[in-house]
Amino acid sequence: MEADEEVALKRRIKRDGMERGYPEDDVLYKWNNHVVPAYKEFLLPYRESCNKVVLNNLDTPDDIIRVTEEISAELKAKFC
């Protein structure tokens, strides 16, 4: 799963504020000092070797359903 950095940060601020009660400055500190550096060091270098990269920039049910159906069809074809 991949989303533009701007989209992912907005989602994290919203989630961490609503569900966890974290202040925005705390979320931003963690984002800039832990999340982004870890992503760049441990995930980004392996992006090209992934079987599938799912872009997750929109919050529409149609996109989620489409991706779920694609993955299900691929798995059925592979294992049935």
N, C-alpha and C. Protein backbone atom coordinates (compact mmCIF):
# COMPACT_ATOMS: atom_id res chain seq x y z
N MET A 1 0.85 -1.17 0.00
CA MET A 1 0.00 0.00 0.00
C MET A 1 0.90 1.23 0.00
N GLU A 2 0.51 2.18 -0.79
CA GLU A 2 1.30 3.40 -0.88
C GLU A 2 0.36 4.59 -1.08
N ALA A 3 0.66 5.67 -0.41
CA ALA A 3 -0.08 6.91 -0.58
C ALA A 3 0.93 8.04 -0.66
N ASP A 4 0.53 9.11 -1.33
CA ASP A 4 1.40 10.29 -1.35
C ASP A 4 1.69 10.72 0.07
N GLU A 5 2.86 11.25 0.28
CA GLU A 5 3.28 11.62 1.63
C GLU A 5 2.29 12.60 2.28
N GLU A 6 1.81 13.54 1.50
CA GLU A 6 0.85 14.53 2.01
C GLU A 6 -0.43 13.85 2.50
N VAL A 7 -0.94 12.93 1.71
CA VAL A 7 -2.17 12.20 2.05
C VAL A 7 -1.94 11.36 3.31
N ALA A 8 -0.84 10.64 3.35
CA ALA A 8 -0.55 9.78 4.50
C ALA A 8 -0.40 10.60 5.78
N LEU A 9 0.24 11.75 5.70
CA LEU A 9 0.41 12.58 6.89
C LEU A 9 -0.94 13.11 7.38
N LYS A 10 -1.78 13.58 6.48
CA LYS A 10 -3.11 14.06 6.89
C LYS A 10 -3.90 12.96 7.57
N ARG A 11 -3.84 11.76 7.02
CA ARG A 11 -4.55 10.62 7.62
C ARG A 11 -4.00 10.30 9.01
N ARG A 12 -2.67 10.34 9.14
CA ARG A 12 -2.06 10.03 10.43
C ARG A 12 -2.43 11.07 11.48
N ILE A 13 -2.40 12.34 11.10
CA ILE A 13 -2.76 13.41 12.04
C ILE A 13 -4.20 13.21 12.51
N LYS A 14 -5.09 12.93 11.57
CA LYS A 14 -6.51 12.72 11.91
C LYS A 14 -6.68 11.51 12.82
N ARG A 15 -6.08 10.37 12.42
CA ARG A 15 -6.22 9.14 13.20
C ARG A 15 -5.62 9.27 14.59
N ASP A 16 -4.38 9.75 14.66
CA ASP A 16 -3.70 9.84 15.95
C ASP A 16 -4.38 10.85 16.88
N GLY A 17 -4.95 11.88 16.30
CA GLY A 17 -5.67 12.85 17.13
C GLY A 17 -6.99 12.30 17.64
N MET A 18 -7.77 11.70 16.75
CA MET A 18 -9.10 11.21 17.12
C MET A 18 -9.05 9.93 17.95
N GLU A 19 -8.27 8.95 17.51
CA GLU A 19 -8.28 7.65 18.16
C GLU A 19 -7.33 7.55 19.35
N ARG A 20 -6.24 8.30 19.29
CA ARG A 20 -5.21 8.14 20.32
C ARG A 20 -5.03 9.37 21.20
N GLY A 21 -5.64 10.47 20.79
CA GLY A 21 -5.56 11.69 21.59
C GLY A 21 -4.21 12.38 21.55
N TYR A 22 -3.40 12.10 20.53
CA TYR A 22 -2.07 12.72 20.43
C TYR A 22 -2.21 14.14 19.89
N PRO A 23 -1.45 15.08 20.44
CA PRO A 23 -1.45 16.43 19.87
C PRO A 23 -0.73 16.43 18.52
N GLU A 24 -1.11 17.36 17.66
CA GLU A 24 -0.56 17.40 16.31
C GLU A 24 0.95 17.56 16.30
N ASP A 25 1.50 18.36 17.21
CA ASP A 25 2.96 18.56 17.22
C ASP A 25 3.70 17.25 17.54
N ASP A 26 3.09 16.40 18.35
CA ASP A 26 3.68 15.10 18.66
C ASP A 26 3.65 14.19 17.42
N VAL A 27 2.52 14.22 16.72
CA VAL A 27 2.38 13.42 15.50
C VAL A 27 3.41 13.87 14.46
N LEU A 28 3.56 15.17 14.29
CA LEU A 28 4.52 15.70 13.33
C LEU A 28 5.96 15.34 13.69
N TYR A 29 6.27 15.40 14.99
CA TYR A 29 7.62 15.01 15.43
C TYR A 29 7.91 13.56 15.06
N LYS A 30 6.97 12.67 15.39
CA LYS A 30 7.16 11.24 15.09
C LYS A 30 7.25 11.02 13.57
N TRP A 31 6.41 11.74 12.84
CA TRP A 31 6.40 11.60 11.37
C TRP A 31 7.77 11.97 10.79
N ASN A 32 8.27 13.12 11.18
CA ASN A 32 9.52 13.63 10.61
C ASN A 32 10.76 12.92 11.12
N ASN A 33 10.72 12.42 12.35
CA ASN A 33 11.92 11.84 12.94
C ASN A 33 11.95 10.31 12.99
N HIS A 34 10.80 9.70 12.77
CA HIS A 34 10.75 8.24 12.83
C HIS A 34 10.11 7.59 11.60
N VAL A 35 8.90 8.03 11.27
CA VAL A 35 8.13 7.38 10.21
C VAL A 35 8.80 7.55 8.85
N VAL A 36 9.04 8.77 8.44
CA VAL A 36 9.61 9.02 7.11
C VAL A 36 11.03 8.44 6.99
N PRO A 37 11.91 8.67 7.97
CA PRO A 37 13.24 8.05 7.83
C PRO A 37 13.19 6.52 7.76
N ALA A 38 12.33 5.89 8.55
CA ALA A 38 12.22 4.43 8.51
C ALA A 38 11.67 3.97 7.17
N TYR A 39 10.69 4.68 6.64
CA TYR A 39 10.13 4.33 5.33
C TYR A 39 11.23 4.40 4.26
N LYS A 40 11.99 5.47 4.27
CA LYS A 40 13.03 5.66 3.26
C LYS A 40 14.15 4.63 3.38
N GLU A 41 14.45 4.21 4.60
CA GLU A 41 15.54 3.26 4.80
C GLU A 41 15.12 1.80 4.61
N PHE A 42 13.93 1.45 5.09
CA PHE A 42 13.57 0.04 5.14
C PHE A 42 12.52 -0.41 4.12
N LEU A 43 11.71 0.49 3.60
CA LEU A 43 10.66 0.09 2.66
C LEU A 43 10.91 0.55 1.23
N LEU A 44 11.22 1.81 1.06
CA LEU A 44 11.39 2.37 -0.28
C LEU A 44 12.41 1.63 -1.14
N PRO A 45 13.54 1.19 -0.58
CA PRO A 45 14.51 0.48 -1.42
C PRO A 45 13.97 -0.82 -2.04
N TYR A 46 12.90 -1.37 -1.48
CA TYR A 46 12.36 -2.64 -1.96
C TYR A 46 11.10 -2.47 -2.81
N ARG A 47 10.71 -1.25 -3.07
CA ARG A 47 9.48 -0.97 -3.81
C ARG A 47 9.48 -1.65 -5.18
N GLU A 48 10.59 -1.57 -5.88
CA GLU A 48 10.67 -2.12 -7.24
C GLU A 48 10.58 -3.65 -7.27
N SER A 49 10.86 -4.31 -6.16
CA SER A 49 10.79 -5.77 -6.15
C SER A 49 9.44 -6.30 -5.66
N CYS A 50 8.51 -5.40 -5.39
CA CYS A 50 7.17 -5.82 -4.95
C CYS A 50 6.38 -6.41 -6.12
N ASN A 51 5.55 -7.37 -5.81
CA ASN A 51 4.68 -7.96 -6.84
C ASN A 51 3.59 -6.99 -7.25
N LYS A 52 3.14 -6.20 -6.30
CA LYS A 52 2.05 -5.27 -6.57
C LYS A 52 2.19 -4.07 -5.64
N VAL A 53 2.01 -2.89 -6.18
CA VAL A 53 1.98 -1.66 -5.38
C VAL A 53 0.59 -1.07 -5.56
N VAL A 54 -0.12 -0.91 -4.47
CA VAL A 54 -1.48 -0.39 -4.49
C VAL A 54 -1.44 1.05 -4.04
N LEU A 55 -1.86 1.95 -4.94
CA LEU A 55 -1.92 3.36 -4.60
C LEU A 55 -3.18 3.62 -3.81
N ASN A 56 -3.04 4.30 -2.69
CA ASN A 56 -4.14 4.51 -1.77
C ASN A 56 -4.28 5.99 -1.45
N ASN A 57 -4.49 6.81 -2.46
CA ASN A 57 -4.61 8.25 -2.25
C ASN A 57 -6.05 8.72 -2.06
N LEU A 58 -7.01 7.91 -2.46
CA LEU A 58 -8.41 8.30 -2.37
C LEU A 58 -9.11 7.51 -1.28
N ASP A 59 -10.16 8.08 -0.75
CA ASP A 59 -10.93 7.41 0.29
C ASP A 59 -12.31 7.02 -0.23
N THR A 60 -12.33 6.44 -1.42
CA THR A 60 -13.61 6.07 -2.00
C THR A 60 -13.79 4.56 -1.95
N PRO A 61 -14.96 4.10 -1.56
CA PRO A 61 -15.20 2.66 -1.47
C PRO A 61 -15.00 1.94 -2.80
N ASP A 62 -15.30 2.59 -3.92
CA ASP A 62 -15.15 1.95 -5.23
C ASP A 62 -13.71 1.51 -5.47
N ASP A 63 -12.74 2.35 -5.10
CA ASP A 63 -11.34 2.00 -5.29
C ASP A 63 -10.94 0.83 -4.40
N ILE A 64 -11.41 0.83 -3.17
CA ILE A 64 -11.08 -0.25 -2.24
C ILE A 64 -11.67 -1.56 -2.73
N ILE A 65 -12.91 -1.53 -3.19
CA ILE A 65 -13.57 -2.73 -3.71
C ILE A 65 -12.84 -3.24 -4.95
N ARG A 66 -12.46 -2.34 -5.86
CA ARG A 66 -11.76 -2.72 -7.08
C ARG A 66 -10.44 -3.43 -6.77
N VAL A 67 -9.65 -2.85 -5.88
CA VAL A 67 -8.35 -3.44 -5.52
C VAL A 67 -8.55 -4.78 -4.84
N THR A 68 -9.52 -4.88 -3.96
CA THR A 68 -9.81 -6.14 -3.28
C THR A 68 -10.20 -7.22 -4.28
N GLU A 69 -11.04 -6.86 -5.25
CA GLU A 69 -11.45 -7.82 -6.27
C GLU A 69 -10.27 -8.26 -7.14
N GLU A 70 -9.40 -7.33 -7.50
CA GLU A 70 -8.22 -7.67 -8.30
C GLU A 70 -7.32 -8.66 -7.56
N ILE A 71 -7.07 -8.38 -6.30
CA ILE A 71 -6.20 -9.26 -5.52
C ILE A 71 -6.85 -10.63 -5.35
N SER A 72 -8.15 -10.67 -5.09
CA SER A 72 -8.86 -11.95 -4.95
C SER A 72 -8.77 -12.76 -6.23
N ALA A 73 -8.98 -12.10 -7.37
CA ALA A 73 -8.91 -12.80 -8.66
C ALA A 73 -7.51 -13.35 -8.91
N GLU A 74 -6.49 -12.57 -8.59
CA GLU A 74 -5.11 -13.03 -8.78
C GLU A 74 -4.81 -14.23 -7.90
N LEU A 75 -5.26 -14.21 -6.66
CA LEU A 75 -5.02 -15.33 -5.76
C LEU A 75 -5.77 -16.58 -6.20
N LYS A 76 -7.02 -16.40 -6.66
CA LYS A 76 -7.79 -17.55 -7.14
C LYS A 76 -7.11 -18.18 -8.36
N ALA A 77 -6.64 -17.35 -9.25
CA ALA A 77 -5.97 -17.86 -10.46
C ALA A 77 -4.67 -18.59 -10.10
N LYS A 78 -4.02 -18.11 -9.11
CA LYS A 78 -2.74 -18.69 -8.72
C LYS A 78 -2.89 -20.01 -7.97
N PHE A 79 -3.91 -20.12 -7.13
CA PHE A 79 -4.02 -21.27 -6.25
C PHE A 79 -5.18 -22.23 -6.58
N CYS A 80 -5.96 -21.91 -7.58
CA CYS A 80 -7.09 -22.83 -7.91
C CYS A 80 -6.82 -23.56 -9.19
